Amino acid sequence: MNGGSGGSSPVRVRIIAAGGVQGVWYRASAQKRAVELGLAGWVKNLPDGSVEAVFEGEPQNVRAILEWCGRGPPAARVDSLKVFHERASGEFLAFEIM
C-alpha cells in the first residue's frame, strides 16, 4: 500500500519557456516554487535566451508548476511554453539551478 499523500506514481516533465525569461529571476523563482511543491529536478538558462527545466513529483504538483511556468515571476514574459512528458526516473534528490 502506498503511503504517499496522493498515492499516485511520480510523473516527470521537461519544459522550455521562451520569451523574456532570462534576467528576471525565472530560474530562482522556479526553484522556490518547485521546492514548495515538493518537486525534484533542475532549471537552467539556454544559449538562445530560453529556460529549460525538468520537474519530477506528484502529478498534481507537476500540474501546478506547469501553470506557474506559463506565467513565471512578475517581471517575466512567457511567450511560449513547450512541455515534454518523460518517464519518471527518481534520479533527483532535490531541485537545483544549473
PDB file of N, CA and C in Angstrom:
ATOM      1  N   MET A   1       0.849  -1.185   0.000  1.00  0.00           N
ATOM      2  CA  MET A   1       0.000   0.000   0.000  1.00  0.00           C
ATOM      3  C   MET A   1       0.885   1.235   0.000  1.00  0.00           C
ATOM      4  N   ASN A   2       0.576   2.178  -0.833  1.00  0.00           N
ATOM      5  CA  ASN A   2       1.373   3.398  -0.965  1.00  0.00           C
ATOM      6  C   ASN A   2       0.985   4.368   0.141  1.00  0.00           C
ATOM      7  N   GLY A   3       1.991   4.832   0.900  1.00  0.00           N
ATOM      8  CA  GLY A   3       1.718   5.758   1.988  1.00  0.00           C
ATOM      9  C   GLY A   3       1.840   7.208   1.593  1.00  0.00           C
ATOM     10  N   GLY A   4       2.017   7.495   0.290  1.00  0.00           N
ATOM     11  CA  GLY A   4       2.163   8.871  -0.179  1.00  0.00           C
ATOM     12  C   GLY A   4       0.882   9.652  -0.035  1.00  0.00           C
ATOM     13  N   SER A   5       0.983  10.962  -0.168  1.00  0.00           N
ATOM     14  CA  SER A   5      -0.172  11.829   0.045  1.00  0.00           C
ATOM     15  C   SER A   5      -1.278  11.573  -0.961  1.00  0.00           C
ATOM     16  N   GLY A   6      -0.924  11.337  -2.227  1.00  0.00           N
ATOM     17  CA  GLY A   6      -1.957  11.135  -3.220  1.00  0.00           C
ATOM     18  C   GLY A   6      -2.032   9.704  -3.692  1.00  0.00           C
ATOM     19  N   GLY A   7      -1.012   8.899  -3.368  1.00  0.00           N
ATOM     20  CA  GLY A   7      -0.999   7.536  -3.816  1.00  0.00           C
ATOM     21  C   GLY A   7      -0.707   7.399  -5.294  1.00  0.00           C
ATOM     22  N   SER A   8      -0.354   8.477  -5.963  1.00  0.00           N
ATOM     23  CA  SER A   8      -0.083   8.464  -7.392  1.00  0.00           C
ATOM     24  C   SER A   8       1.390   8.222  -7.648  1.00  0.00           C
ATOM     25  N   SER A   9       1.667   7.607  -8.788  1.00  0.00           N
ATOM     26  CA  SER A   9       3.057   7.434  -9.196  1.00  0.00           C
ATOM     27  C   SER A   9       3.620   8.772  -9.634  1.00  0.00           C
ATOM     28  N   PRO A  10       4.897   9.016  -9.348  1.00  0.00           N
ATOM     29  CA  PRO A  10       5.517  10.273  -9.779  1.00  0.00           C
ATOM     30  C   PRO A  10       5.491  10.414 -11.298  1.00  0.00           C
ATOM     31  N   VAL A  11       5.429  11.641 -11.745  1.00  0.00           N
ATOM     32  CA  VAL A  11       5.499  11.953 -13.171  1.00  0.00           C
ATOM     33  C   VAL A  11       6.648  12.919 -13.388  1.00  0.00           C
ATOM     34  N   ARG A  12       7.048  13.034 -14.653  1.00  0.00           N
ATOM     35  CA  ARG A  12       8.172  13.912 -14.997  1.00  0.00           C
ATOM     36  C   ARG A  12       7.831  14.673 -16.264  1.00  0.00           C
ATOM     37  N   VAL A  13       8.150  15.961 -16.260  1.00  0.00           N
ATOM     38  CA  VAL A  13       8.021  16.783 -17.460  1.00  0.00           C
ATOM     39  C   VAL A  13       9.300  17.583 -17.650  1.00  0.00           C
ATOM     40  N   ARG A  14       9.591  17.863 -18.905  1.00  0.00           N
ATOM     41  CA  ARG A  14      10.673  18.788 -19.265  1.00  0.00           C
ATOM     42  C   ARG A  14      10.006  19.934 -19.991  1.00  0.00           C
ATOM     43  N   ILE A  15      10.393  21.155 -19.643  1.00  0.00           N
ATOM     44  CA  ILE A  15       9.785  22.325 -20.281  1.00  0.00           C
ATOM     45  C   ILE A  15      10.867  23.203 -20.894  1.00  0.00           C
ATOM     46  N   ILE A  16      10.448  23.941 -21.904  1.00  0.00           N
ATOM     47  CA  ILE A  16      11.269  25.026 -22.437  1.00  0.00           C
ATOM     48  C   ILE A  16      10.372  26.252 -22.495  1.00  0.00           C
ATOM     49  N   ALA A  17      10.727  27.258 -21.715  1.00  0.00           N
ATOM     50  CA  ALA A  17       9.988  28.520 -21.676  1.00  0.00           C
ATOM     51  C   ALA A  17      10.764  29.550 -22.487  1.00  0.00           C
ATOM     52  N   ALA A  18      10.074  30.212 -23.408  1.00  0.00           N
ATOM     53  CA  ALA A  18      10.715  31.220 -24.254  1.00  0.00           C
ATOM     54  C   ALA A  18      10.017  32.556 -24.077  1.00  0.00           C
ATOM     55  N   GLY A  19      10.752  33.614 -24.373  1.00  0.00           N
ATOM     56  CA  GLY A  19      10.242  34.979 -24.232  1.00  0.00           C
ATOM     57  C   GLY A  19      11.215  35.769 -23.385  1.00  0.00           C
ATOM     58  N   GLY A  20      10.699  36.625 -22.540  1.00  0.00           N
ATOM     59  CA  GLY A  20      11.544  37.384 -21.622  1.00  0.00           C
ATOM     60  C   GLY A  20      11.689  36.615 -20.330  1.00  0.00           C
ATOM     61  N   VAL A  21      12.508  35.547 -20.364  1.00  0.00           N
ATOM     62  CA  VAL A  21      12.604  34.648 -19.216  1.00  0.00           C
ATOM     63  C   VAL A  21      14.001  34.585 -18.596  1.00  0.00           C
ATOM     64  N   GLN A  22      14.961  35.307 -19.155  1.00  0.00           N
ATOM     65  CA  GLN A  22      16.293  35.361 -18.551  1.00  0.00           C
ATOM     66  C   GLN A  22      16.520  36.753 -17.980  1.00  0.00           C
ATOM     67  N   GLY A  23      17.195  36.809 -16.847  1.00  0.00           N
ATOM     68  CA  GLY A  23      17.463  38.084 -16.189  1.00  0.00           C
ATOM     69  C   GLY A  23      16.271  38.648 -15.445  1.00  0.00           C
ATOM     70  N   VAL A  24      15.262  37.798 -15.184  1.00  0.00           N
ATOM     71  CA  VAL A  24      14.044  38.244 -14.494  1.00  0.00           C
ATOM     72  C   VAL A  24      13.698  37.327 -13.310  1.00  0.00           C
ATOM     73  N   TRP A  25      14.697  36.607 -12.816  1.00  0.00           N
ATOM     74  CA  TRP A  25      14.536  35.708 -11.672  1.00  0.00           C
ATOM     75  C   TRP A  25      13.661  34.494 -11.973  1.00  0.00           C
ATOM     76  N   TYR A  26      13.556  34.105 -13.237  1.00  0.00           N
ATOM     77  CA  TYR A  26      12.736  32.941 -13.591  1.00  0.00           C
ATOM     78  C   TYR A  26      13.287  31.674 -12.937  1.00  0.00           C
ATOM     79  N   ARG A  27      14.601  31.431 -13.066  1.00  0.00           N
ATOM     80  CA  ARG A  27      15.184  30.201 -12.507  1.00  0.00           C
ATOM     81  C   ARG A  27      15.049  30.149 -10.989  1.00  0.00           C
ATOM     82  N   ALA A  28      15.403  31.221 -10.314  1.00  0.00           N
ATOM     83  CA  ALA A  28      15.324  31.243  -8.847  1.00  0.00           C
ATOM     84  C   ALA A  28      13.878  31.088  -8.374  1.00  0.00           C
ATOM     85  N   SER A  29      12.958  31.733  -9.071  1.00  0.00           N
ATOM     86  CA  SER A  29      11.546  31.633  -8.701  1.00  0.00           C
ATOM     87  C   SER A  29      10.999  30.240  -8.986  1.00  0.00           C
ATOM     88  N   ALA A  30      11.442  29.632 -10.088  1.00  0.00           N
ATOM     89  CA  ALA A  30      11.018  28.263 -10.410  1.00  0.00           C
ATOM     90  C   ALA A  30      11.529  27.296  -9.347  1.00  0.00           C
ATOM     91  N   GLN A  31      12.768  27.488  -8.916  1.00  0.00           N
ATOM     92  CA  GLN A  31      13.323  26.627  -7.870  1.00  0.00           C
ATOM     93  C   GLN A  31      12.522  26.774  -6.571  1.00  0.00           C
ATOM     94  N   LYS A  32      12.230  28.000  -6.192  1.00  0.00           N
ATOM     95  CA  LYS A  32      11.467  28.248  -4.960  1.00  0.00           C
ATOM     96  C   LYS A  32      10.103  27.563  -5.021  1.00  0.00           C
ATOM     97  N   ARG A  33       9.408  27.726  -6.151  1.00  0.00           N
ATOM     98  CA  ARG A  33       8.076  27.130  -6.303  1.00  0.00           C
ATOM     99  C   ARG A  33       8.159  25.604  -6.331  1.00  0.00           C
ATOM    100  N   ALA A  34       9.159  25.065  -7.036  1.00  0.00           N
ATOM    101  CA  ALA A  34       9.323  23.610  -7.108  1.00  0.00           C
ATOM    102  C   ALA A  34       9.563  23.021  -5.721  1.00  0.00           C
ATOM    103  N   VAL A  35      10.401  23.680  -4.928  1.00  0.00           N
ATOM    104  CA  VAL A  35      10.677  23.204  -3.568  1.00  0.00           C
ATOM    105  C   VAL A  35       9.401  23.268  -2.725  1.00  0.00           C
ATOM    106  N   GLU A  36       8.638  24.349  -2.854  1.00  0.00           N
ATOM    107  CA  GLU A  36       7.368  24.468  -2.127  1.00  0.00           C
ATOM    108  C   GLU A  36       6.423  23.317  -2.467  1.00  0.00           C
ATOM    109  N   LEU A  37       6.473  22.871  -3.727  1.00  0.00           N
ATOM    110  CA  LEU A  37       5.589  21.802  -4.197  1.00  0.00           C
ATOM    111  C   LEU A  37       6.177  20.407  -3.979  1.00  0.00           C
ATOM    112  N   GLY A  38       7.379  20.325  -3.428  1.00  0.00           N
ATOM    113  CA  GLY A  38       7.999  19.030  -3.183  1.00  0.00           C
ATOM    114  C   GLY A  38       8.508  18.343  -4.436  1.00  0.00           C
ATOM    115  N   LEU A  39       8.862  19.131  -5.451  1.00  0.00           N
ATOM    116  CA  LEU A  39       9.342  18.570  -6.713  1.00  0.00           C
ATOM    117  C   LEU A  39      10.860  18.500  -6.737  1.00  0.00           C
ATOM    118  N   ALA A  40      11.381  17.587  -7.523  1.00  0.00           N
ATOM    119  CA  ALA A  40      12.816  17.454  -7.729  1.00  0.00           C
ATOM    120  C   ALA A  40      13.111  17.732  -9.198  1.00  0.00           C
ATOM    121  N   GLY A  41      14.383  18.043  -9.497  1.00  0.00           N
ATOM    122  CA  GLY A  41      14.785  18.286 -10.879  1.00  0.00           C
ATOM    123  C   GLY A  41      15.789  19.407 -10.972  1.00  0.00           C
ATOM    124  N   TRP A  42      15.715  20.161 -12.061  1.00  0.00           N
ATOM    125  CA  TRP A  42      16.669  21.249 -12.294  1.00  0.00           C
ATOM    126  C   TRP A  42      16.087  22.276 -13.253  1.00  0.00           C
ATOM    127  N   VAL A  43      16.743  23.439 -13.295  1.00  0.00           N
ATOM    128  CA  VAL A  43      16.372  24.510 -14.218  1.00  0.00           C
ATOM    129  C   VAL A  43      17.650  25.191 -14.678  1.00  0.00           C
ATOM    130  N   LYS A  44      17.696  25.578 -15.956  1.00  0.00           N
ATOM    131  CA  LYS A  44      18.891  26.248 -16.477  1.00  0.00           C
ATOM    132  C   LYS A  44      18.533  27.168 -17.633  1.00  0.00           C
ATOM    133  N   ASN A  45      19.387  28.184 -17.832  1.00  0.00           N
ATOM    134  CA  ASN A  45      19.280  29.056 -18.996  1.00  0.00           C
ATOM    135  C   ASN A  45      19.853  28.339 -20.205  1.00  0.00           C
ATOM    136  N   LEU A  46      19.277  28.597 -21.372  1.00  0.00           N
ATOM    137  CA  LEU A  46      19.800  28.076 -22.630  1.00  0.00           C
ATOM    138  C   LEU A  46      20.416  29.221 -23.425  1.00  0.00           C
ATOM    139  N   PRO A  47      21.366  28.915 -24.303  1.00  0.00           N
ATOM    140  CA  PRO A  47      22.055  29.964 -25.072  1.00  0.00           C
ATOM    141  C   PRO A  47      21.127  30.823 -25.932  1.00  0.00           C
ATOM    142  N   ASP A  48      19.976  30.285 -26.332  1.00  0.00           N
ATOM    143  CA  ASP A  48      19.063  31.045 -27.199  1.00  0.00           C
ATOM    144  C   ASP A  48      18.166  32.012 -26.430  1.00  0.00           C
ATOM    145  N   GLY A  49      18.360  32.123 -25.103  1.00  0.00           N
ATOM    146  CA  GLY A  49      17.560  33.047 -24.301  1.00  0.00           C
ATOM    147  C   GLY A  49      16.367  32.400 -23.622  1.00  0.00           C
ATOM    148  N   SER A  50      16.140  31.120 -23.872  1.00  0.00           N
ATOM    149  CA  SER A  50      15.036  30.421 -23.222  1.00  0.00           C
ATOM    150  C   SER A  50      15.523  29.749 -21.938  1.00  0.00           C
ATOM    151  N   VAL A  51      14.599  29.144 -21.222  1.00  0.00           N
ATOM    152  CA  VAL A  51      14.909  28.426 -19.987  1.00  0.00           C
ATOM    153  C   VAL A  51      14.380  27.003 -20.128  1.00  0.00           C
ATOM    154  N   GLU A  52      15.196  26.032 -19.731  1.00  0.00           N
ATOM    155  CA  GLU A  52      14.796  24.622 -19.741  1.00  0.00           C
ATOM    156  C   GLU A  52      14.736  24.132 -18.304  1.00  0.00           C
ATOM    157  N   ALA A  53      13.772  23.272 -18.013  1.00  0.00           N
ATOM    158  CA  ALA A  53      13.661  22.708 -16.670  1.00  0.00           C
ATOM    159  C   ALA A  53      13.087  21.304 -16.743  1.00  0.00           C
ATOM    160  N   VAL A  54      13.427  20.506 -15.746  1.00  0.00           N
ATOM    161  CA  VAL A  54      12.841  19.179 -15.557  1.00  0.00           C
ATOM    162  C   VAL A  54      12.234  19.162 -14.161  1.00  0.00           C
ATOM    163  N   PHE A  55      10.982  18.728 -14.088  1.00  0.00           N
ATOM    164  CA  PHE A  55      10.270  18.630 -12.813  1.00  0.00           C
ATOM    165  C   PHE A  55       9.782  17.200 -12.642  1.00  0.00           C
ATOM    166  N   GLU A  56       9.977  16.648 -11.458  1.00  0.00           N
ATOM    167  CA  GLU A  56       9.512  15.294 -11.178  1.00  0.00           C
ATOM    168  C   GLU A  56       8.865  15.262  -9.806  1.00  0.00           C
ATOM    169  N   GLY A  57       7.684  14.635  -9.734  1.00  0.00           N
ATOM    170  CA  GLY A  57       6.986  14.529  -8.462  1.00  0.00           C
ATOM    171  C   GLY A  57       5.546  14.102  -8.647  1.00  0.00           C
ATOM    172  N   GLU A  58       4.735  14.364  -7.633  1.00  0.00           N
ATOM    173  CA  GLU A  58       3.318  14.004  -7.666  1.00  0.00           C
ATOM    174  C   GLU A  58       2.608  14.726  -8.818  1.00  0.00           C
ATOM    175  N   PRO A  59       1.697  14.030  -9.516  1.00  0.00           N
ATOM    176  CA  PRO A  59       1.041  14.624 -10.691  1.00  0.00           C
ATOM    177  C   PRO A  59       0.402  15.990 -10.437  1.00  0.00           C
ATOM    178  N   GLN A  60      -0.309  16.155  -9.310  1.00  0.00           N
ATOM    179  CA  GLN A  60      -0.985  17.427  -9.059  1.00  0.00           C
ATOM    180  C   GLN A  60       0.025  18.556  -8.851  1.00  0.00           C
ATOM    181  N   ASN A  61       1.182  18.236  -8.281  1.00  0.00           N
ATOM    182  CA  ASN A  61       2.208  19.254  -8.063  1.00  0.00           C
ATOM    183  C   ASN A  61       2.926  19.604  -9.359  1.00  0.00           C
ATOM    184  N   VAL A  62       3.109  18.618 -10.227  1.00  0.00           N
ATOM    185  CA  VAL A  62       3.689  18.898 -11.547  1.00  0.00           C
ATOM    186  C   VAL A  62       2.722  19.770 -12.352  1.00  0.00           C
ATOM    187  N   ARG A  63       1.428  19.485 -12.274  1.00  0.00           N
ATOM    188  CA  ARG A  63       0.441  20.345 -12.959  1.00  0.00           C
ATOM    189  C   ARG A  63       0.527  21.776 -12.437  1.00  0.00           C
ATOM    190  N   ALA A  64       0.681  21.926 -11.131  1.00  0.00           N
ATOM    191  CA  ALA A  64       0.766  23.266 -10.534  1.00  0.00           C
ATOM    192  C   ALA A  64       2.004  24.012 -11.020  1.00  0.00           C
ATOM    193  N   ILE A  65       3.152  23.335 -11.115  1.00  0.00           N
ATOM    194  CA  ILE A  65       4.360  24.028 -11.582  1.00  0.00           C
ATOM    195  C   ILE A  65       4.231  24.369 -13.060  1.00  0.00           C
ATOM    196  N   LEU A  66       3.547  23.532 -13.841  1.00  0.00           N
ATOM    197  CA  LEU A  66       3.347  23.857 -15.258  1.00  0.00           C
ATOM    198  C   LEU A  66       2.516  25.131 -15.405  1.00  0.00           C
ATOM    199  N   GLU A  67       1.491  25.274 -14.587  1.00  0.00           N
ATOM    200  CA  GLU A  67       0.697  26.510 -14.610  1.00  0.00           C
ATOM    201  C   GLU A  67       1.583  27.700 -14.270  1.00  0.00           C
ATOM    202  N   TRP A  68       2.423  27.550 -13.252  1.00  0.00           N
ATOM    203  CA  TRP A  68       3.324  28.630 -12.861  1.00  0.00           C
ATOM    204  C   TRP A  68       4.294  28.955 -13.997  1.00  0.00           C
ATOM    205  N   CYS A  69       4.857  27.926 -14.633  1.00  0.00           N
ATOM    206  CA  CYS A  69       5.839  28.140 -15.709  1.00  0.00           C
ATOM    207  C   CYS A  69       5.255  28.944 -16.866  1.00  0.00           C
ATOM    208  N   GLY A  70       3.977  28.809 -17.112  1.00  0.00           N
ATOM    209  CA  GLY A  70       3.332  29.571 -18.177  1.00  0.00           C
ATOM    210  C   GLY A  70       3.231  31.057 -17.878  1.00  0.00           C
ATOM    211  N   ARG A  71       3.331  31.416 -16.598  1.00  0.00           N
ATOM    212  CA  ARG A  71       3.300  32.819 -16.179  1.00  0.00           C
ATOM    213  C   ARG A  71       4.684  33.314 -15.800  1.00  0.00           C
ATOM    214  N   GLY A  72       5.380  32.506 -14.990  1.00  0.00           N
ATOM    215  CA  GLY A  72       6.683  32.903 -14.469  1.00  0.00           C
ATOM    216  C   GLY A  72       6.544  33.953 -13.388  1.00  0.00           C
ATOM    217  N   PRO A  73       7.680  34.502 -12.939  1.00  0.00           N
ATOM    218  CA  PRO A  73       7.647  35.553 -11.923  1.00  0.00           C
ATOM    219  C   PRO A  73       7.124  36.862 -12.524  1.00  0.00           C
ATOM    220  N   PRO A  74       6.822  37.846 -11.690  1.00  0.00           N
ATOM    221  CA  PRO A  74       6.201  39.083 -12.186  1.00  0.00           C
ATOM    222  C   PRO A  74       6.935  39.783 -13.332  1.00  0.00           C
ATOM    223  N   ALA A  75       8.256  39.784 -13.337  1.00  0.00           N
ATOM    224  CA  ALA A  75       8.998  40.512 -14.376  1.00  0.00           C
ATOM    225  C   ALA A  75       9.143  39.724 -15.682  1.00  0.00           C
ATOM    226  N   ALA A  76       8.761  38.461 -15.675  1.00  0.00           N
ATOM    227  CA  ALA A  76       8.935  37.618 -16.867  1.00  0.00           C
ATOM    228  C   ALA A  76       7.823  37.846 -17.884  1.00  0.00           C
ATOM    229  N   ARG A  77       8.151  37.511 -19.128  1.00  0.00           N
ATOM    230  CA  ARG A  77       7.163  37.487 -20.213  1.00  0.00           C
ATOM    231  C   ARG A  77       7.333  36.141 -20.916  1.00  0.00           C
ATOM    232  N   VAL A  78       6.425  35.210 -20.652  1.00  0.00           N
ATOM    233  CA  VAL A  78       6.499  33.884 -21.260  1.00  0.00           C
ATOM    234  C   VAL A  78       5.675  33.905 -22.543  1.00  0.00           C
ATOM    235  N   ASP A  79       6.380  33.833 -23.683  1.00  0.00           N
ATOM    236  CA  ASP A  79       5.706  33.835 -24.983  1.00  0.00           C
ATOM    237  C   ASP A  79       5.285  32.434 -25.406  1.00  0.00           C
ATOM    238  N   SER A  80       6.067  31.432 -25.033  1.00  0.00           N
ATOM    239  CA  SER A  80       5.698  30.050 -25.354  1.00  0.00           C
ATOM    240  C   SER A  80       6.253  29.115 -24.293  1.00  0.00           C
ATOM    241  N   LEU A  81       5.533  28.034 -24.084  1.00  0.00           N
ATOM    242  CA  LEU A  81       5.945  27.011 -23.130  1.00  0.00           C
ATOM    243  C   LEU A  81       5.765  25.658 -23.800  1.00  0.00           C
ATOM    244  N   LYS A  82       6.877  24.997 -24.088  1.00  0.00           N
ATOM    245  CA  LYS A  82       6.840  23.643 -24.650  1.00  0.00           C
ATOM    246  C   LYS A  82       6.951  22.664 -23.494  1.00  0.00           C
ATOM    247  N   VAL A  83       6.107  21.643 -23.512  1.00  0.00           N
ATOM    248  CA  VAL A  83       6.082  20.648 -22.443  1.00  0.00           C
ATOM    249  C   VAL A  83       6.296  19.267 -23.050  1.00  0.00           C
ATOM    250  N   PHE A  84       7.257  18.544 -22.504  1.00  0.00           N
ATOM    251  CA  PHE A  84       7.576  17.192 -22.953  1.00  0.00           C
ATOM    252  C   PHE A  84       7.382  16.241 -21.775  1.00  0.00           C
ATOM    253  N   HIS A  85       6.498  15.273 -21.933  1.00  0.00           N
ATOM    254  CA  HIS A  85       6.255  14.289 -20.873  1.00  0.00           C
ATOM    255  C   HIS A  85       7.281  13.171 -21.013  1.00  0.00           C
ATOM    256  N   GLU A  86       7.957  12.873 -19.916  1.00  0.00           N
ATOM    257  CA  GLU A  86       9.013  11.866 -19.907  1.00  0.00           C
ATOM    258  C   GLU A  86       8.738  10.857 -18.794  1.00  0.00           C
ATOM    259  N   ARG A  87       9.460   9.763 -18.815  1.00  0.00           N
ATOM    260  CA  ARG A  87       9.304   8.730 -17.782  1.00  0.00           C
ATOM    261  C   ARG A  87      10.010   9.191 -16.500  1.00  0.00           C
ATOM    262  N   ALA A  88       9.299   9.136 -15.388  1.00  0.00           N
ATOM    263  CA  ALA A  88       9.903   9.495 -14.097  1.00  0.00           C
ATOM    264  C   ALA A  88      11.009   8.498 -13.775  1.00  0.00           C
ATOM    265  N   SER A  89      12.142   9.016 -13.310  1.00  0.00           N
ATOM    266  CA  SER A  89      13.295   8.154 -13.050  1.00  0.00           C
ATOM    267  C   SER A  89      13.687   8.091 -11.577  1.00  0.00           C
ATOM    268  N   GLY A  90      13.263   9.061 -10.793  1.00  0.00           N
ATOM    269  CA  GLY A  90      13.658   9.106  -9.392  1.00  0.00           C
ATOM    270  C   GLY A  90      15.121   9.458  -9.177  1.00  0.00           C
ATOM    271  N   GLU A  91      15.779   9.970 -10.218  1.00  0.00           N
ATOM    272  CA  GLU A  91      17.223  10.249 -10.134  1.00  0.00           C
ATOM    273  C   GLU A  91      17.560  11.516  -9.351  1.00  0.00           C
ATOM    274  N   PHE A  92      16.589  12.397  -9.148  1.00  0.00           N
ATOM    275  CA  PHE A  92      16.859  13.678  -8.500  1.00  0.00           C
ATOM    276  C   PHE A  92      16.520  13.620  -7.015  1.00  0.00           C
ATOM    277  N   LEU A  93      17.396  14.184  -6.196  1.00  0.00           N
ATOM    278  CA  LEU A  93      17.167  14.229  -4.756  1.00  0.00           C
ATOM    279  C   LEU A  93      16.671  15.596  -4.304  1.00  0.00           C
ATOM    280  N   ALA A  94      16.850  16.599  -5.148  1.00  0.00           N
ATOM    281  CA  ALA A  94      16.487  17.976  -4.805  1.00  0.00           C
ATOM    282  C   ALA A  94      16.165  18.709  -6.103  1.00  0.00           C
ATOM    283  N   PHE A  95      15.933  20.015  -5.992  1.00  0.00           N
ATOM    284  CA  PHE A  95      15.720  20.835  -7.183  1.00  0.00           C
ATOM    285  C   PHE A  95      16.849  21.849  -7.253  1.00  0.00           C
ATOM    286  N   GLU A  96      17.578  21.840  -8.358  1.00  0.00           N
ATOM    287  CA  GLU A  96      18.782  22.656  -8.479  1.00  0.00           C
ATOM    288  C   GLU A  96      18.704  23.641  -9.637  1.00  0.00           C
ATOM    289  N   ILE A  97      19.399  24.766  -9.465  1.00  0.00           N
ATOM    290  CA  ILE A  97      19.652  25.689 -10.570  1.00  0.00           C
ATOM    291  C   ILE A  97      20.984  25.271 -11.168  1.00  0.00           C
ATOM    292  N   MET A  98      20.990  25.011 -12.452  1.00  0.00           N
ATOM    293  CA  MET A  98      22.221  24.551 -13.118  1.00  0.00           C
ATOM    294  C   MET A  98      22.935  25.727 -13.756  1.00  0.00           C
TER     295      MET A  98
END
